[in-house]
Amino acid sequence: MSIRENKSELDSLRGSIEVAAPVPQPRDSEATRKLEADVRRLTQQLREVEQASKKELAKMVDSFNAAQRGNEAAESQAEKARARAGRMEAETRRLQHHIVELERACRLKEEEAAGLQQQVRESSREHSDAEGRYIQASKRSMHLESDMSSLRHLLAAAEEKIREKEREVVVWEDRAQQWGRQLRDAEERARKADSMVGKAESEAAQAKQRLLEMEQDIR
């Protein structure tokens, strides 16, 4: 039985006791006065249990709402991290493909340089022109190597960002587990409050039964 259902039962029981209490009874009956005192005591206990149940319910609702907000934030961060990781992977594949193309271009340039060297050896007449072309090819090769170095640096930075996001996901998962434990603790306290309410209901029912029996005896 939930705390809201307990509250409804408590209100009903309290109304029954308050209605039954004013029945005219002999004032000199010690048992009747004692029973009235018991009814008042149980009514007070029911009010106290009701207040405690309301406080416990408010705490449980606050804890649940906080945990829900934390879970939603953690899921949003994790989804963003996965999306960023996907983009980083795509960028990495693109860079790898670009590196392959650069390596192929370097090989072509090396072959071109080798061809130029062969032409220099074959024809001294074209030696000067071939040497100039070879120097240009070497410069272009150096530029390509510089580009490859920059791409490798970008790739390393992208991998580091992916690792950082993975660490953030682990942190949010740990927080979600902590919020889950807090929610379970709140549920346990609520179950204890339900137990207290059930005990108070039982005592109130017994008191009501005794009051009815006394009324029958008086009649």
Protein backbone atom coordinates (compact mmCIF):
# COMPACT_ATOMS: atom_id res chain seq x y z
CA MET A 1 0.00 0.00 0.00
CA SER A 2 1.39 3.44 -0.95
CA ILE A 3 1.70 6.41 1.37
CA ARG A 4 -1.14 8.22 -0.45
CA GLU A 5 -3.44 5.22 0.09
CA ASN A 6 -2.37 5.12 3.73
CA LYS A 7 -3.24 8.78 4.08
CA SER A 8 -6.74 8.14 2.68
CA GLU A 9 -7.24 5.23 5.08
CA LEU A 10 -5.97 7.33 7.98
CA ASP A 11 -8.40 10.15 7.14
CA SER A 12 -11.28 7.67 6.95
CA LEU A 13 -10.30 6.00 10.21
CA ARG A 14 -9.79 9.31 11.96
CA GLY A 15 -13.23 10.44 10.84
CA SER A 16 -14.77 7.22 12.12
CA ILE A 17 -13.11 7.62 15.50
CA GLU A 18 -14.06 11.29 15.79
CA VAL A 19 -17.68 10.49 14.89
CA ALA A 20 -17.84 7.61 17.33
CA ALA A 21 -16.25 9.54 20.18
CA PRO A 22 -19.16 11.92 21.05
CA VAL A 23 -21.72 9.11 21.68
CA PRO A 24 -23.36 9.79 25.09
CA GLN A 25 -21.96 7.49 27.72
CA PRO A 26 -22.19 7.33 31.51
CA ARG A 27 -19.62 9.69 32.97
CA ASP A 28 -19.01 7.47 35.99
CA SER A 29 -17.81 4.51 33.87
CA GLU A 30 -14.05 4.13 34.40
CA ALA A 31 -13.72 1.72 31.47
CA THR A 32 -15.45 4.19 29.16
CA ARG A 33 -13.20 7.05 30.22
CA LYS A 34 -10.15 4.85 29.73
CA LEU A 35 -11.35 3.81 26.29
CA GLU A 36 -11.93 7.45 25.35
CA ALA A 37 -8.39 8.24 26.47
CA ASP A 38 -7.11 5.34 24.35
CA VAL A 39 -9.04 6.63 21.36
CA ARG A 40 -7.59 10.12 21.81
CA ARG A 41 -4.10 8.68 22.17
CA LEU A 42 -4.47 6.57 19.04
CA THR A 43 -5.90 9.54 17.16
CA GLN A 44 -2.85 11.58 18.12
CA GLN A 45 -0.58 8.73 17.05
CA LEU A 46 -2.39 8.55 13.72
CA ARG A 47 -1.82 12.28 13.20
CA GLU A 48 1.88 11.88 14.00
CA VAL A 49 2.22 8.93 11.63
CA GLU A 50 0.38 10.88 8.95
CA GLN A 51 2.76 13.84 9.34
CA ALA A 52 5.79 11.54 9.24
CA SER A 53 4.41 9.85 6.12
CA LYS A 54 3.93 13.20 4.40
CA LYS A 55 7.51 14.25 5.21
CA GLU A 56 8.90 10.92 4.02
CA LEU A 57 6.87 11.13 0.81
CA ALA A 58 8.18 14.65 0.14
CA LYS A 59 11.77 13.48 0.67
CA MET A 60 11.27 10.49 -1.62
CA VAL A 61 9.71 12.66 -4.35
CA ASP A 62 12.57 15.18 -4.10
CA SER A 63 15.17 12.40 -4.29
CA PHE A 64 13.42 10.79 -7.24
CA ASN A 65 13.14 14.11 -9.12
CA ALA A 66 16.82 14.87 -8.48
CA ALA A 67 17.81 11.39 -9.67
CA GLN A 68 15.59 11.74 -12.75
CA ARG A 69 17.16 15.07 -13.65
CA GLY A 70 20.64 13.62 -13.13
CA ASN A 71 19.84 10.59 -15.31
CA GLU A 72 18.47 12.78 -18.08
CA ALA A 73 21.55 15.04 -17.94
CA ALA A 74 23.88 12.02 -17.93
CA GLU A 75 22.07 10.45 -20.90
CA SER A 76 22.22 13.75 -22.80
CA GLN A 77 25.95 14.09 -22.14
CA ALA A 78 26.56 10.47 -23.12
CA GLU A 79 24.59 10.92 -26.35
CA LYS A 80 26.58 14.05 -27.19
CA ALA A 81 29.82 12.23 -26.43
CA ARG A 82 28.83 9.33 -28.70
CA ALA A 83 27.89 11.75 -31.48
CA ARG A 84 31.21 13.57 -31.12
CA ALA A 85 33.06 10.27 -31.07
CA GLY A 86 31.30 9.29 -34.30
CA ARG A 87 32.32 12.55 -35.92
CA MET A 88 35.89 12.08 -34.72
CA GLU A 89 35.98 8.57 -36.15
CA ALA A 90 34.72 9.85 -39.50
CA GLU A 91 37.32 12.62 -39.46
CA THR A 92 40.01 10.08 -38.57
CA ARG A 93 39.03 7.87 -41.51
CA ARG A 94 39.12 10.88 -43.79
CA LEU A 95 42.56 11.86 -42.53
CA GLN A 96 43.82 8.32 -42.95
CA HIS A 97 42.58 8.30 -46.52
CA HIS A 98 44.25 11.66 -47.08
CA ILE A 99 47.51 10.31 -45.64
CA VAL A 100 47.36 7.38 -48.07
CA GLU A 101 46.87 9.80 -50.92
CA LEU A 102 49.81 11.88 -49.71
CA GLU A 103 52.02 8.82 -49.48
CA ARG A 104 51.01 7.85 -53.00
CA ALA A 105 51.82 11.36 -54.17
CA CYS A 106 55.19 11.15 -52.44
CA ARG A 107 55.95 7.90 -54.21
CA LEU A 108 54.97 9.47 -57.50
CA LYS A 109 57.23 12.40 -56.78
CA GLU A 110 60.06 10.09 -55.87
CA GLU A 111 59.54 8.21 -59.12
CA GLU A 112 59.46 11.50 -60.95
CA ALA A 113 62.69 12.57 -59.26
CA ALA A 114 64.28 9.25 -60.19
CA GLY A 115 63.16 9.77 -63.76
CA LEU A 116 64.67 13.22 -63.76
CA GLN A 117 67.93 11.84 -62.46
CA GLN A 118 67.91 9.27 -65.24
CA GLN A 119 67.33 11.97 -67.79
CA VAL A 120 70.24 13.95 -66.36
CA ARG A 121 72.49 10.91 -66.72
CA GLU A 122 71.27 10.21 -70.25
CA SER A 123 71.57 13.73 -71.59
CA SER A 124 74.08 16.24 -70.38
CA ARG A 125 72.41 18.76 -72.64
CA GLU A 126 69.25 18.72 -70.53
CA HIS A 127 71.19 18.51 -67.28
CA SER A 128 70.45 22.07 -66.13
CA ASP A 129 66.73 21.88 -66.89
CA ALA A 130 66.39 18.46 -65.30
CA GLU A 131 68.20 19.63 -62.17
CA GLY A 132 65.77 22.54 -61.80
CA ARG A 133 62.78 20.21 -62.12
CA TYR A 134 64.31 17.87 -59.58
CA ILE A 135 64.73 20.70 -57.07
CA GLN A 136 61.10 21.72 -57.56
CA ALA A 137 59.93 18.16 -57.06
CA SER A 138 62.00 17.91 -53.86
CA LYS A 139 60.43 21.08 -52.51
CA ARG A 140 56.95 19.80 -53.25
CA SER A 141 57.80 16.55 -51.52
CA MET A 142 58.93 18.48 -48.44
CA HIS A 143 55.67 20.41 -48.41
CA LEU A 144 53.75 17.16 -48.60
CA GLU A 145 55.73 15.74 -45.70
CA SER A 146 54.93 18.87 -43.68
CA ASP A 147 51.24 18.42 -44.48
CA MET A 148 51.42 14.79 -43.37
CA SER A 149 53.01 15.84 -40.06
CA SER A 150 50.20 18.34 -39.47
CA LEU A 151 47.58 15.72 -40.21
CA ARG A 152 49.20 13.28 -37.80
CA HIS A 153 49.10 15.97 -35.11
CA LEU A 154 45.39 16.60 -35.78
CA LEU A 155 44.72 12.89 -35.62
CA ALA A 156 46.46 12.61 -32.23
CA ALA A 157 44.45 15.57 -30.90
CA ALA A 158 41.19 13.98 -32.11
CA GLU A 159 42.04 10.70 -30.38
CA GLU A 160 42.78 12.58 -27.13
CA LYS A 161 39.39 14.32 -27.31
CA ILE A 162 37.69 10.95 -27.76
CA ARG A 163 39.46 9.61 -24.68
CA GLU A 164 38.37 12.68 -22.67
CA LYS A 165 34.73 12.14 -23.64
CA GLU A 166 34.97 8.48 -22.70
CA ARG A 167 36.21 9.52 -19.26
CA GLU A 168 33.30 11.96 -18.93
CA VAL A 169 30.85 9.16 -19.77
CA VAL A 170 32.37 7.00 -17.01
CA VAL A 171 31.96 9.87 -14.50
CA TRP A 172 28.29 10.34 -15.42
CA GLU A 173 27.64 6.60 -15.17
CA ASP A 174 29.11 6.64 -11.63
CA ARG A 175 26.85 9.55 -10.69
CA ALA A 176 23.81 7.74 -12.09
CA GLN A 177 24.65 4.71 -9.91
CA GLN A 178 24.91 6.96 -6.84
CA TRP A 179 21.51 8.51 -7.59
CA GLY A 180 20.08 5.01 -8.00
CA ARG A 181 21.36 4.04 -4.56
CA GLN A 182 19.84 7.20 -3.05
CA LEU A 183 16.50 6.37 -4.66
CA ARG A 184 16.59 2.84 -3.26
CA ASP A 185 17.31 4.24 0.20
CA ALA A 186 14.32 6.56 -0.09
CA GLU A 187 12.10 3.63 -1.13
CA GLU A 188 13.30 1.65 1.89
CA ARG A 189 12.40 4.53 4.21
CA ALA A 190 8.98 4.73 2.55
CA ARG A 191 8.42 1.01 3.17
CA LYS A 192 9.26 1.51 6.83
CA ALA A 193 6.78 4.38 6.99
CA ASP A 194 4.12 2.09 5.42
CA SER A 195 4.83 -0.46 8.14
CA MET A 196 4.35 2.17 10.85
CA VAL A 197 1.07 3.26 9.27
CA GLY A 198 -0.15 -0.34 9.10
CA LYS A 199 0.59 -0.84 12.78
CA ALA A 200 -1.24 2.35 13.69
CA GLU A 201 -4.23 1.27 11.58
CA SER A 202 -4.36 -2.06 13.37
CA GLU A 203 -4.33 -0.40 16.80
CA ALA A 204 -7.02 2.07 15.72
CA ALA A 205 -9.21 -0.77 14.41
CA GLN A 206 -8.86 -2.62 17.72
CA ALA A 207 -9.77 0.54 19.65
CA LYS A 208 -12.78 1.09 17.43
CA GLN A 209 -13.90 -2.49 17.98
CA ARG A 210 -13.55 -2.12 21.73
CA LEU A 211 -15.54 1.12 21.60
CA LEU A 212 -18.35 -0.59 19.68
CA GLU A 213 -18.39 -3.41 22.21
CA MET A 214 -18.61 -0.92 25.07
CA GLU A 215 -21.49 0.87 23.33
CA GLN A 216 -23.35 -2.43 22.98
CA ASP A 217 -22.77 -3.22 26.65
CA ILE A 218 -24.05 0.22 27.65
CA ARG A 219 -27.19 -0.18 25.60
